[in-house]
C-alpha atoms as a PDB file:
ATOM      1  CA  MET A   1      11.810   4.525 -28.072  1.00  0.00           C
ATOM      2  CA  ILE A   2      10.739   3.619 -24.514  1.00  0.00           C
ATOM      3  CA  GLY A   3      10.741   6.707 -22.287  1.00  0.00           C
ATOM      4  CA  VAL A   4      11.661   5.941 -18.664  1.00  0.00           C
ATOM      5  CA  VAL A   5      11.521   7.933 -15.428  1.00  0.00           C
ATOM      6  CA  LEU A   6      13.863   6.825 -12.615  1.00  0.00           C
ATOM      7  CA  ALA A   7      12.489   7.352  -9.100  1.00  0.00           C
ATOM      8  CA  ASP A   8      15.050   6.652  -6.369  1.00  0.00           C
ATOM      9  CA  ASP A   9      16.428   8.801  -3.560  1.00  0.00           C
ATOM     10  CA  HIS A  10      20.013   7.635  -4.157  1.00  0.00           C
ATOM     11  CA  GLU A  11      21.830   9.471  -6.927  1.00  0.00           C
ATOM     12  CA  MET A  12      24.316   6.612  -7.399  1.00  0.00           C
ATOM     13  CA  VAL A  13      21.470   4.167  -8.035  1.00  0.00           C
ATOM     14  CA  ARG A  14      19.859   6.506 -10.565  1.00  0.00           C
ATOM     15  CA  ALA A  15      23.190   6.997 -12.313  1.00  0.00           C
ATOM     16  CA  GLY A  16      23.811   3.242 -12.489  1.00  0.00           C
ATOM     17  CA  PHE A  17      20.352   2.474 -13.826  1.00  0.00           C
ATOM     18  CA  ARG A  18      20.632   5.280 -16.358  1.00  0.00           C
ATOM     19  CA  MET A  19      23.933   3.913 -17.643  1.00  0.00           C
ATOM     20  CA  VAL A  20      22.464   0.414 -18.050  1.00  0.00           C
ATOM     21  CA  LEU A  21      19.265   1.539 -19.755  1.00  0.00           C
ATOM     22  CA  GLU A  22      20.749   4.117 -22.109  1.00  0.00           C
ATOM     23  CA  ALA A  23      23.279   1.571 -23.367  1.00  0.00           C
ATOM     24  CA  GLU A  24      20.248   0.015 -25.094  1.00  0.00           C
ATOM     25  CA  GLY A  25      19.169   1.493 -28.390  1.00  0.00           C
ATOM     26  CA  ASP A  26      15.437   1.457 -27.617  1.00  0.00           C
ATOM     27  CA  ILE A  27      15.338   2.992 -24.104  1.00  0.00           C
ATOM     28  CA  SER A  28      15.780   6.627 -23.062  1.00  0.00           C
ATOM     29  CA  VAL A  29      15.748   8.026 -19.507  1.00  0.00           C
ATOM     30  CA  ILE A  30      13.644  11.171 -19.847  1.00  0.00           C
ATOM     31  CA  GLY A  31      13.290  12.139 -16.172  1.00  0.00           C
ATOM     32  CA  ILE A  32      14.419  11.477 -12.612  1.00  0.00           C
ATOM     33  CA  ALA A  33      12.801  11.857  -9.177  1.00  0.00           C
ATOM     34  CA  GLY A  34      14.140  11.605  -5.640  1.00  0.00           C
ATOM     35  CA  SER A  35      10.855  11.002  -3.819  1.00  0.00           C
ATOM     36  CA  GLY A  36       7.456   9.474  -4.387  1.00  0.00           C
ATOM     37  CA  GLN A  37       5.829  12.872  -4.633  1.00  0.00           C
ATOM     38  CA  ASP A  38       8.380  14.012  -7.220  1.00  0.00           C
ATOM     39  CA  ALA A  39       7.827  10.770  -9.162  1.00  0.00           C
ATOM     40  CA  VAL A  40       4.090  11.461  -9.427  1.00  0.00           C
ATOM     41  CA  GLY A  41       4.730  15.002 -10.659  1.00  0.00           C
ATOM     42  CA  VAL A  42       7.394  14.002 -13.160  1.00  0.00           C
ATOM     43  CA  ALA A  43       5.276  11.134 -14.498  1.00  0.00           C
ATOM     44  CA  LYS A  44       2.292  13.452 -14.914  1.00  0.00           C
ATOM     45  CA  ARG A  45       4.394  16.058 -16.717  1.00  0.00           C
ATOM     46  CA  LEU A  46       6.570  13.865 -18.954  1.00  0.00           C
ATOM     47  CA  ARG A  47       4.228  10.924 -19.599  1.00  0.00           C
ATOM     48  CA  PRO A  48       6.891   8.194 -19.834  1.00  0.00           C
ATOM     49  CA  GLU A  49       6.065   4.680 -20.948  1.00  0.00           C
ATOM     50  CA  VAL A  50       7.685   3.215 -17.803  1.00  0.00           C
ATOM     51  CA  VAL A  51       8.566   4.429 -14.296  1.00  0.00           C
ATOM     52  CA  LEU A  52      11.204   2.543 -12.294  1.00  0.00           C
ATOM     53  CA  MET A  53      10.132   3.063  -8.682  1.00  0.00           C
ATOM     54  CA  ASP A  54      12.039   2.579  -5.434  1.00  0.00           C
ATOM     55  CA  ILE A  55       9.927   1.802  -2.348  1.00  0.00           C
ATOM     56  CA  ARG A  56      11.550   3.590   0.583  1.00  0.00           C
ATOM     57  CA  MET A  57      11.963   7.277  -0.210  1.00  0.00           C
ATOM     58  CA  PRO A  58      11.523  10.490   1.788  1.00  0.00           C
ATOM     59  CA  GLY A  59       7.939  11.631   2.282  1.00  0.00           C
ATOM     60  CA  MET A  60       5.572   9.676   0.054  1.00  0.00           C
ATOM     61  CA  ASP A  61       6.878   6.149  -0.449  1.00  0.00           C
ATOM     62  CA  GLY A  62       7.074   4.344  -3.766  1.00  0.00           C
ATOM     63  CA  LEU A  63       4.034   2.158  -3.132  1.00  0.00           C
ATOM     64  CA  GLU A  64       1.704   5.135  -2.689  1.00  0.00           C
ATOM     65  CA  ALA A  65       3.340   6.855  -5.665  1.00  0.00           C
ATOM     66  CA  THR A  66       2.733   3.708  -7.722  1.00  0.00           C
ATOM     67  CA  ARG A  67      -0.942   3.731  -6.761  1.00  0.00           C
ATOM     68  CA  LEU A  68      -1.310   7.370  -7.828  1.00  0.00           C
ATOM     69  CA  ILE A  69       0.605   6.975 -11.092  1.00  0.00           C
ATOM     70  CA  THR A  70      -1.257   3.865 -12.220  1.00  0.00           C
ATOM     71  CA  ALA A  71      -4.560   5.663 -11.568  1.00  0.00           C
ATOM     72  CA  MET A  72      -3.685   8.383 -14.115  1.00  0.00           C
ATOM     73  CA  PRO A  73      -5.454   8.442 -17.492  1.00  0.00           C
ATOM     74  CA  GLU A  74      -3.274   6.573 -20.011  1.00  0.00           C
ATOM     75  CA  ALA A  75      -1.044   5.724 -17.069  1.00  0.00           C
ATOM     76  CA  PRO A  76       2.639   4.851 -17.391  1.00  0.00           C
ATOM     77  CA  ARG A  77       3.626   1.332 -16.399  1.00  0.00           C
ATOM     78  CA  VAL A  78       5.431   1.132 -13.055  1.00  0.00           C
ATOM     79  CA  VAL A  79       8.161  -1.379 -12.213  1.00  0.00           C
ATOM     80  CA  VAL A  80       9.081  -1.425  -8.530  1.00  0.00           C
ATOM     81  CA  VAL A  81      12.829  -1.865  -7.993  1.00  0.00           C
ATOM     82  CA  THR A  82      13.902  -2.391  -4.386  1.00  0.00           C
ATOM     83  CA  THR A  83      16.437  -4.000  -2.054  1.00  0.00           C
ATOM     84  CA  PHE A  84      13.654  -5.367   0.161  1.00  0.00           C
ATOM     85  CA  ASP A  85      12.740  -8.949  -0.691  1.00  0.00           C
ATOM     86  CA  THR A  86       9.426  -9.322   1.149  1.00  0.00           C
ATOM     87  CA  ASP A  87       6.152 -10.870   0.010  1.00  0.00           C
ATOM     88  CA  GLU A  88       4.246  -8.025   1.693  1.00  0.00           C
ATOM     89  CA  TYR A  89       5.949  -5.420  -0.484  1.00  0.00           C
ATOM     90  CA  LEU A  90       5.424  -7.547  -3.590  1.00  0.00           C
ATOM     91  CA  ARG A  91       1.716  -8.038  -2.996  1.00  0.00           C
ATOM     92  CA  THR A  92       1.185  -4.389  -2.078  1.00  0.00           C
ATOM     93  CA  ALA A  93       3.061  -3.250  -5.193  1.00  0.00           C
ATOM     94  CA  LEU A  94       1.039  -5.504  -7.500  1.00  0.00           C
ATOM     95  CA  GLN A  95      -2.209  -4.448  -5.813  1.00  0.00           C
ATOM     96  CA  ALA A  96      -1.160  -0.830  -6.382  1.00  0.00           C
ATOM     97  CA  GLY A  97      -0.922  -1.590 -10.105  1.00  0.00           C
ATOM     98  CA  ALA A  98       2.796  -2.260 -10.578  1.00  0.00           C
ATOM     99  CA  SER A  99       3.766  -4.038 -13.803  1.00  0.00           C
ATOM    100  CA  GLY A 100       6.826  -5.683 -12.297  1.00  0.00           C
ATOM    101  CA  PHE A 101       8.800  -6.148  -9.107  1.00  0.00           C
ATOM    102  CA  MET A 102      12.577  -6.353  -9.298  1.00  0.00           C
ATOM    103  CA  LEU A 103      15.360  -6.619  -6.752  1.00  0.00           C
ATOM    104  CA  LYS A 104      18.202  -4.158  -7.253  1.00  0.00           C
ATOM    105  CA  ASP A 105      20.717  -7.009  -7.371  1.00  0.00           C
ATOM    106  CA  ALA A 106      18.804  -8.884 -10.112  1.00  0.00           C
ATOM    107  CA  GLY A 107      21.314  -7.700 -12.714  1.00  0.00           C
ATOM    108  CA  PRO A 108      21.301  -5.312 -15.678  1.00  0.00           C
ATOM    109  CA  ARG A 109      19.826  -7.701 -18.249  1.00  0.00           C
ATOM    110  CA  LEU A 110      16.770  -8.434 -16.127  1.00  0.00           C
ATOM    111  CA  LEU A 111      16.298  -4.710 -15.465  1.00  0.00           C
ATOM    112  CA  VAL A 112      16.295  -4.011 -19.202  1.00  0.00           C
ATOM    113  CA  GLU A 113      13.879  -6.862 -19.887  1.00  0.00           C
ATOM    114  CA  ALA A 114      11.556  -5.664 -17.094  1.00  0.00           C
ATOM    115  CA  VAL A 115      11.375  -2.235 -18.752  1.00  0.00           C
ATOM    116  CA  ARG A 116      10.662  -3.743 -22.166  1.00  0.00           C
ATOM    117  CA  ALA A 117       8.060  -6.122 -20.737  1.00  0.00           C
ATOM    118  CA  ALA A 118       6.278  -3.312 -18.900  1.00  0.00           C
ATOM    119  CA  ALA A 119       6.271  -1.133 -22.020  1.00  0.00           C
ATOM    120  CA  VAL A 120       4.210  -3.731 -23.901  1.00  0.00           C
ATOM    121  CA  GLY A 121       1.851  -4.429 -20.998  1.00  0.00           C
ATOM    122  CA  ASP A 122       3.572  -7.493 -19.611  1.00  0.00           C
ATOM    123  CA  ALA A 123       4.829  -8.108 -16.073  1.00  0.00           C
ATOM    124  CA  LEU A 124       8.164  -9.433 -14.849  1.00  0.00           C
ATOM    125  CA  VAL A 125       9.133 -10.393 -11.306  1.00  0.00           C
ATOM    126  CA  SER A 126      12.646 -11.165 -10.047  1.00  0.00           C
ATOM    127  CA  PRO A 127      13.356 -14.912 -10.328  1.00  0.00           C
ATOM    128  CA  SER A 128      14.072 -15.461  -6.618  1.00  0.00           C
ATOM    129  CA  ILE A 129      10.721 -13.933  -5.696  1.00  0.00           C
ATOM    130  CA  THR A 130       8.897 -15.688  -8.541  1.00  0.00           C
ATOM    131  CA  VAL A 131      10.008 -19.128  -7.410  1.00  0.00           C
ATOM    132  CA  ARG A 132       9.013 -18.529  -3.782  1.00  0.00           C
ATOM    133  CA  LEU A 133       5.694 -16.846  -4.537  1.00  0.00           C
ATOM    134  CA  LEU A 134       4.576 -19.236  -7.258  1.00  0.00           C
ATOM    135  CA  GLY A 135       5.460 -22.190  -5.062  1.00  0.00           C
ATOM    136  CA  GLU A 136       2.907 -20.863  -2.599  1.00  0.00           C
ATOM    137  CA  LEU A 137       0.319 -20.254  -5.340  1.00  0.00           C
ATOM    138  CA  ALA A 138       0.735 -23.799  -6.627  1.00  0.00           C
ATOM    139  CA  ALA A 139       0.248 -25.460  -3.235  1.00  0.00           C
ATOM    140  CA  GLY A 140      -2.903 -27.513  -3.265  1.00  0.00           C
ATOM    141  CA  GLN A 141      -3.663 -26.765  -6.936  1.00  0.00           C
ATOM    142  CA  SER A 142      -1.674 -29.499  -8.691  1.00  0.00           C
ATOM    143  CA  GLY A 143      -4.376 -30.279 -11.260  1.00  0.00           C
ATOM    144  CA  ALA A 144      -5.163 -26.728 -12.246  1.00  0.00           C
ATOM    145  CA  GLY A 145      -2.830 -26.748 -15.227  1.00  0.00           C
ATOM    146  CA  ALA A 146      -4.296 -29.814 -16.909  1.00  0.00           C
ATOM    147  CA  GLY A 147      -6.155 -29.797 -20.212  1.00  0.00           C
ATOM    148  CA  HIS A 148      -4.023 -27.676 -22.532  1.00  0.00           C
ATOM    149  CA  ASP A 149      -2.923 -27.891 -26.150  1.00  0.00           C
ATOM    150  CA  LEU A 150       0.586 -26.472 -25.800  1.00  0.00           C
ATOM    151  CA  SER A 151       3.305 -27.898 -28.016  1.00  0.00           C
ATOM    152  CA  ASP A 152       6.427 -29.471 -26.530  1.00  0.00           C
ATOM    153  CA  ARG A 153       8.378 -26.295 -27.292  1.00  0.00           C
ATOM    154  CA  GLU A 154       5.715 -24.135 -25.637  1.00  0.00           C
ATOM    155  CA  LEU A 155       5.830 -26.353 -22.557  1.00  0.00           C
ATOM    156  CA  GLU A 156       9.611 -25.883 -22.426  1.00  0.00           C
ATOM    157  CA  ILE A 157       9.241 -22.128 -22.634  1.00  0.00           C
ATOM    158  CA  ALA A 158       6.446 -22.000 -20.042  1.00  0.00           C
ATOM    159  CA  ALA A 159       8.659 -23.969 -17.652  1.00  0.00           C
ATOM    160  CA  ALA A 160      11.595 -21.641 -18.315  1.00  0.00           C
ATOM    161  CA  ILE A 161       9.420 -18.599 -17.599  1.00  0.00           C
ATOM    162  CA  ALA A 162       8.346 -20.210 -14.313  1.00  0.00           C
ATOM    163  CA  ARG A 163      12.003 -20.617 -13.381  1.00  0.00           C
ATOM    164  CA  GLY A 164      12.466 -16.875 -13.860  1.00  0.00           C
ATOM    165  CA  ARG A 165      14.445 -17.016 -17.107  1.00  0.00           C
ATOM    166  CA  THR A 166      14.367 -13.909 -19.290  1.00  0.00           C
ATOM    167  CA  ASN A 167      13.438 -14.095 -22.967  1.00  0.00           C
ATOM    168  CA  GLU A 168      17.091 -13.622 -23.923  1.00  0.00           C
ATOM    169  CA  GLU A 169      18.193 -16.426 -21.590  1.00  0.00           C
ATOM    170  CA  ILE A 170      15.483 -18.743 -22.932  1.00  0.00           C
ATOM    171  CA  ALA A 171      16.572 -18.017 -26.496  1.00  0.00           C
ATOM    172  CA  ALA A 172      20.186 -18.868 -25.621  1.00  0.00           C
ATOM    173  CA  ASP A 173      19.227 -22.004 -23.662  1.00  0.00           C
ATOM    174  CA  LEU A 174      17.038 -23.391 -26.465  1.00  0.00           C
ATOM    175  CA  PHE A 175      19.158 -22.146 -29.390  1.00  0.00           C
ATOM    176  CA  ILE A 176      16.294 -20.200 -30.933  1.00  0.00           C
ATOM    177  CA  SER A 177      15.833 -16.526 -31.794  1.00  0.00           C
ATOM    178  CA  LEU A 178      14.493 -13.921 -29.385  1.00  0.00           C
ATOM    179  CA  SER A 179      11.557 -13.229 -31.713  1.00  0.00           C
ATOM    180  CA  THR A 180      10.685 -16.951 -31.692  1.00  0.00           C
ATOM    181  CA  VAL A 181      10.600 -16.941 -27.885  1.00  0.00           C
ATOM    182  CA  LYS A 182       8.271 -13.939 -27.906  1.00  0.00           C
ATOM    183  CA  THR A 183       6.005 -15.582 -30.495  1.00  0.00           C
ATOM    184  CA  HIS A 184       5.762 -18.753 -28.400  1.00  0.00           C
ATOM    185  CA  ALA A 185       5.096 -16.726 -25.234  1.00  0.00           C
ATOM    186  CA  ARG A 186       2.196 -14.938 -26.946  1.00  0.00           C
ATOM    187  CA  SER A 187       0.847 -18.266 -28.139  1.00  0.00           C
ATOM    188  CA  ILE A 188       1.094 -19.726 -24.623  1.00  0.00           C
ATOM    189  CA  SER A 189      -0.771 -16.731 -23.206  1.00  0.00           C
ATOM    190  CA  GLY A 190      -3.563 -17.155 -25.722  1.00  0.00           C
ATOM    191  CA  LYS A 191      -3.940 -20.886 -25.168  1.00  0.00           C
ATOM    192  CA  ILE A 192      -4.035 -20.811 -21.355  1.00  0.00           C
ATOM    193  CA  GLY A 193      -5.695 -17.407 -20.938  1.00  0.00           C
ATOM    194  CA  ALA A 194      -2.718 -15.748 -19.225  1.00  0.00           C
ATOM    195  CA  ARG A 195      -2.396 -11.959 -19.257  1.00  0.00           C
ATOM    196  CA  ASN A 196       1.341 -11.808 -18.538  1.00  0.00           C
ATOM    197  CA  ARG A 197       4.482 -13.785 -17.642  1.00  0.00           C
ATOM    198  CA  VAL A 198       3.527 -14.020 -13.983  1.00  0.00           C
ATOM    199  CA  GLU A 199       0.315 -15.831 -14.897  1.00  0.00           C
ATOM    200  CA  ILE A 200       2.177 -18.113 -17.332  1.00  0.00           C
ATOM    201  CA  ALA A 201       4.589 -18.972 -14.510  1.00  0.00           C
ATOM    202  CA  ALA A 202       1.745 -19.661 -12.072  1.00  0.00           C
ATOM    203  CA  TRP A 203       0.101 -21.954 -14.629  1.00  0.00           C
ATOM    204  CA  ALA A 204       3.378 -23.822 -15.183  1.00  0.00           C
ATOM    205  CA  TRP A 205       3.751 -24.418 -11.451  1.00  0.00           C
ATOM    206  CA  ARG A 206       0.203 -25.710 -11.161  1.00  0.00           C
ATOM    207  CA  ALA A 207       0.794 -27.973 -14.172  1.00  0.00           C
ATOM    208  CA  ARG A 208       3.926 -29.283 -12.397  1.00  0.00           C
ATOM    209  CA  LEU A 209       6.222 -28.272 -15.250  1.00  0.00           C
ATOM    210  CA  VAL A 210       8.615 -27.106 -12.529  1.00  0.00           C
ATOM    211  CA  ARG A 211       9.111 -28.135  -8.913  1.00  0.00           C
END
């Protein structure tokens, strides 16, 4: 079971996220916080696997709270969930140690997948941000993805990840099982030396698998 703490100063948002997450059989919301300072205390006390963190909250903001939580021994993974679609927030969140960056309107399935990805040490970023950010990363590096031994299926999956598709969406698109998608993703990571989905996506952009 993946234990989650919800940190957001809006009760309606916390209630909505809780409803989405607890509809899944493998996720349990074990704590809530209404400020960054509360989030740090709750995370320290309850030791969840994942913290879903808003950015703008009273007192300590979510970015500072993320920095403090990820510095803890055996730290929980933090996924920043915000309404603010800015590259500055994204970069600051990732520098603070966040294991994902989601927009609140990304949809329930992507929220669930972000929690599951974070729980196993992966990272997931909202598709709209991924496309914009990775387009910038790929500029001027068109040959950086050459020289690989990925299969045709792995190339398809790497391209789908770069387009921001979730594992469940990739499975449906390619008519394969979810476990097969995960197996291919692990294989891709090993072959290209990527630590998470964000790095797979960056590689796919540089290899011009997507435009």
